[in-house]
Amino acid sequence: MSDPADVQRDLGRHEADIERMKEDISAMREDLHKLTEMFAELRGGKRAVGILVGSAATMGAFLGWLASVFHIKPEGLP
């Protein structure tokens, strides 16, 4: 049989290990939350860039259409 003092020492060590694990899990949750926020900001930034690029492409297409309708050519072209 195990000595009661050994059992108590093992229980104390296990409790300390469990507390460290709880702290580690808490730190991991904080890190995960920060990563989630970063990805959300990145996704929002991608949308903004996509809207700007799409708007510029639409404006360019519209100006090209206007030039073709009114037969406008840059100087120097035949």
Protein backbone atom coordinates (compact mmCIF):
# COMPACT_ATOMS: atom_id res chain seq x y z
CA MET A 1 0.00 0.00 0.00
CA SER A 2 1.00 3.58 -0.57
CA ASP A 3 2.05 5.79 2.26
CA PRO A 4 -0.56 8.55 2.99
CA ALA A 5 2.20 11.18 2.87
CA ASP A 6 3.16 10.03 -0.66
CA VAL A 7 -0.48 10.23 -1.73
CA GLN A 8 -0.81 13.76 -0.32
CA ARG A 9 2.42 14.84 -2.04
CA ASP A 10 1.21 13.39 -5.36
CA LEU A 11 -2.16 15.12 -4.98
CA GLY A 12 -0.44 18.44 -4.29
CA ARG A 13 1.77 18.02 -7.35
CA HIS A 14 -1.23 17.12 -9.50
CA GLU A 15 -3.16 20.14 -8.25
CA ALA A 16 -0.24 22.41 -9.16
CA ASP A 17 -0.04 20.79 -12.60
CA ILE A 18 -3.78 21.31 -13.11
CA GLU A 19 -3.49 25.00 -12.14
CA ARG A 20 -0.64 25.48 -14.65
CA MET A 21 -2.73 23.78 -17.33
CA LYS A 22 -5.65 26.09 -16.55
CA GLU A 23 -3.36 29.11 -16.91
CA ASP A 24 -1.98 27.76 -20.20
CA ILE A 25 -5.49 27.17 -21.57
CA SER A 26 -6.51 30.67 -20.53
CA ALA A 27 -3.48 32.12 -22.34
CA MET A 28 -4.30 30.04 -25.44
CA ARG A 29 -7.87 31.35 -25.41
CA GLU A 30 -6.58 34.93 -25.27
CA ASP A 31 -4.21 34.25 -28.18
CA LEU A 32 -7.00 32.65 -30.19
CA HIS A 33 -9.23 35.64 -29.52
CA LYS A 34 -6.49 38.00 -30.75
CA LEU A 35 -6.01 35.89 -33.90
CA THR A 36 -9.75 35.91 -34.55
CA GLU A 37 -9.79 39.71 -34.28
CA MET A 38 -6.81 40.01 -36.62
CA PHE A 39 -8.48 37.81 -39.26
CA ALA A 40 -11.71 39.80 -38.95
CA GLU A 41 -9.78 43.04 -39.56
CA LEU A 42 -7.92 41.47 -42.47
CA ARG A 43 -11.15 40.26 -44.03
CA GLY A 44 -12.61 43.78 -43.73
CA GLY A 45 -9.50 45.24 -45.36
CA LYS A 46 -9.75 42.81 -48.25
CA ARG A 47 -13.35 43.83 -48.82
CA ALA A 48 -12.39 47.51 -48.87
CA VAL A 49 -9.61 46.87 -51.40
CA GLY A 50 -11.98 44.76 -53.49
CA ILE A 51 -14.56 47.53 -53.54
CA LEU A 52 -11.94 50.11 -54.54
CA VAL A 53 -10.53 47.91 -57.31
CA GLY A 54 -14.01 47.05 -58.55
CA SER A 55 -14.99 50.72 -58.58
CA ALA A 56 -11.84 51.68 -60.49
CA ALA A 57 -12.46 48.94 -63.06
CA THR A 58 -16.07 50.03 -63.48
CA MET A 59 -15.03 53.67 -63.93
CA GLY A 60 -12.38 52.66 -66.49
CA ALA A 61 -14.90 50.58 -68.42
CA PHE A 62 -17.39 53.44 -68.37
CA LEU A 63 -14.79 55.92 -69.66
CA GLY A 64 -13.80 53.45 -72.37
CA TRP A 65 -17.43 53.07 -73.38
CA LEU A 66 -17.86 56.87 -73.49
CA ALA A 67 -14.76 57.18 -75.67
CA SER A 68 -16.09 54.56 -78.07
CA VAL A 69 -19.56 56.13 -78.24
CA PHE A 70 -18.20 59.62 -78.96
CA HIS A 71 -15.34 58.29 -81.12
CA ILE A 72 -12.70 59.89 -78.94
CA LYS A 73 -9.16 58.72 -79.65
CA PRO A 74 -5.94 59.75 -77.95
CA GLU A 75 -3.73 61.91 -80.14
CA GLY A 76 -1.21 60.06 -82.26
CA LEU A 77 -3.39 57.01 -82.88
CA PRO A 78 -4.71 56.30 -86.38
